[in-house]
Amino acid sequence: MSEGIAAPQVQPVMQANPGLADTLKKMREDAFHICMQCVNRQVQVQTIHGETLRGTVVNVDAHHLFLEVPQGNERGFYYNNVILPLVLYELLVISLLV
């Protein structure tokens, strides 16, 4: 940094409770391992936002479940199959469809 230029001050406006952050990380890791077992399987997913979606798990990464949903899905979108990325720590229930 050049002399005479002061570094900007940082003032947090929100900071997560450290215990909450650890809990969210653990939930995400647990969800990742469970979701990995559901790849290429049909599932029903419920989110913390109250959404219920049905589709096929096509992929999972460290932060997202990728769900392929058919045309005319519960969100009201009408186009050919689409892949929705769902955030792992926002998932409440994952049920296998038989």
Protein backbone atom coordinates (compact mmCIF):
# COMPACT_ATOMS: atom_id res chain seq x y z
CA MET A 1 0.00 0.00 0.00
CA SER A 2 1.28 3.47 -0.84
CA GLU A 3 2.18 5.85 1.92
CA GLY A 4 -0.46 8.40 2.73
CA ILE A 5 -3.38 6.16 1.67
CA ALA A 6 -5.27 4.80 4.61
CA ALA A 7 -6.80 1.34 4.42
CA PRO A 8 -10.60 1.43 4.35
CA GLN A 9 -12.24 0.63 7.64
CA VAL A 10 -14.34 -2.50 7.79
CA GLN A 11 -17.54 -2.43 9.80
CA PRO A 12 -19.42 -5.76 9.93
CA VAL A 13 -23.19 -5.40 9.67
CA MET A 14 -23.90 -9.11 10.23
CA GLN A 15 -21.79 -11.94 11.59
CA ALA A 16 -22.95 -15.53 11.96
CA ASN A 17 -22.65 -17.20 15.32
CA PRO A 18 -19.52 -19.41 15.14
CA GLY A 19 -21.51 -22.37 16.47
CA LEU A 20 -24.11 -21.89 13.74
CA ALA A 21 -21.41 -21.79 11.07
CA ASP A 22 -19.99 -25.09 12.33
CA THR A 23 -23.47 -26.64 12.38
CA LEU A 24 -24.17 -25.52 8.79
CA LYS A 25 -20.85 -26.96 7.60
CA LYS A 26 -21.65 -30.29 9.25
CA MET A 27 -25.15 -30.32 7.74
CA ARG A 28 -23.72 -29.58 4.29
CA GLU A 29 -21.14 -32.38 4.62
CA ASP A 30 -23.79 -34.87 5.79
CA ALA A 31 -26.15 -33.85 2.98
CA PHE A 32 -23.32 -34.22 0.44
CA HIS A 33 -22.61 -37.82 1.47
CA ILE A 34 -26.30 -38.75 1.44
CA CYS A 35 -26.91 -37.03 -1.91
CA MET A 36 -23.95 -38.86 -3.48
CA GLN A 37 -25.86 -42.10 -2.84
CA CYS A 38 -28.87 -40.70 -4.71
CA VAL A 39 -27.14 -39.86 -8.02
CA ASN A 40 -29.19 -41.17 -10.99
CA ARG A 41 -32.15 -41.88 -8.70
CA GLN A 42 -35.56 -40.25 -8.58
CA VAL A 43 -36.18 -38.26 -5.42
CA GLN A 44 -38.53 -35.80 -3.81
CA VAL A 45 -36.80 -32.88 -2.13
CA GLN A 46 -38.23 -30.47 0.43
CA THR A 47 -36.39 -27.21 1.08
CA ILE A 48 -36.34 -24.83 4.02
CA HIS A 49 -38.35 -22.45 1.82
CA GLY A 50 -41.32 -24.84 1.72
CA GLU A 51 -40.72 -26.01 -1.85
CA THR A 52 -41.26 -29.64 -2.80
CA LEU A 53 -39.60 -30.78 -6.02
CA ARG A 54 -39.46 -34.15 -7.74
CA GLY A 55 -36.79 -35.18 -10.16
CA THR A 56 -33.62 -37.13 -10.79
CA VAL A 57 -30.35 -36.35 -9.04
CA VAL A 58 -27.84 -35.85 -11.85
CA ASN A 59 -24.87 -34.56 -9.87
CA VAL A 60 -23.68 -33.35 -6.48
CA ASP A 61 -20.77 -31.10 -5.59
CA ALA A 62 -19.55 -29.78 -2.24
CA HIS A 63 -22.30 -27.14 -2.15
CA HIS A 64 -25.15 -28.15 -4.50
CA LEU A 65 -27.49 -30.96 -5.46
CA PHE A 66 -28.29 -30.84 -9.19
CA LEU A 67 -31.86 -32.02 -9.74
CA GLU A 68 -33.25 -32.64 -13.21
CA VAL A 69 -36.94 -31.82 -13.15
CA PRO A 70 -39.37 -32.71 -15.95
CA GLN A 71 -41.44 -30.37 -18.06
CA GLY A 72 -44.34 -28.81 -16.15
CA ASN A 73 -42.72 -29.17 -12.72
CA GLU A 74 -44.05 -27.83 -9.42
CA ARG A 75 -42.40 -24.42 -9.99
CA GLY A 76 -44.69 -23.84 -12.95
CA PHE A 77 -41.95 -23.65 -15.57
CA TYR A 78 -42.88 -25.16 -18.92
CA TYR A 79 -39.91 -26.23 -20.98
CA ASN A 80 -38.01 -29.45 -21.53
CA ASN A 81 -36.11 -31.02 -18.66
CA VAL A 82 -34.10 -28.49 -16.70
CA ILE A 83 -31.42 -28.99 -14.06
CA LEU A 84 -31.91 -26.99 -10.88
CA PRO A 85 -28.95 -26.39 -8.55
CA LEU A 86 -30.19 -26.67 -4.96
CA VAL A 87 -28.02 -25.51 -2.05
CA LEU A 88 -27.22 -28.47 0.20
CA TYR A 89 -27.78 -26.76 3.55
CA GLU A 90 -31.23 -25.59 2.42
CA LEU A 91 -32.51 -29.16 2.02
CA LEU A 92 -34.76 -30.47 4.78
CA VAL A 93 -35.90 -33.83 3.41
CA ILE A 94 -34.73 -36.05 0.57
CA SER A 95 -36.97 -39.03 -0.16
CA LEU A 96 -36.33 -41.77 -2.70
CA LEU A 97 -39.20 -42.35 -5.10
CA VAL A 98 -39.88 -46.00 -5.87
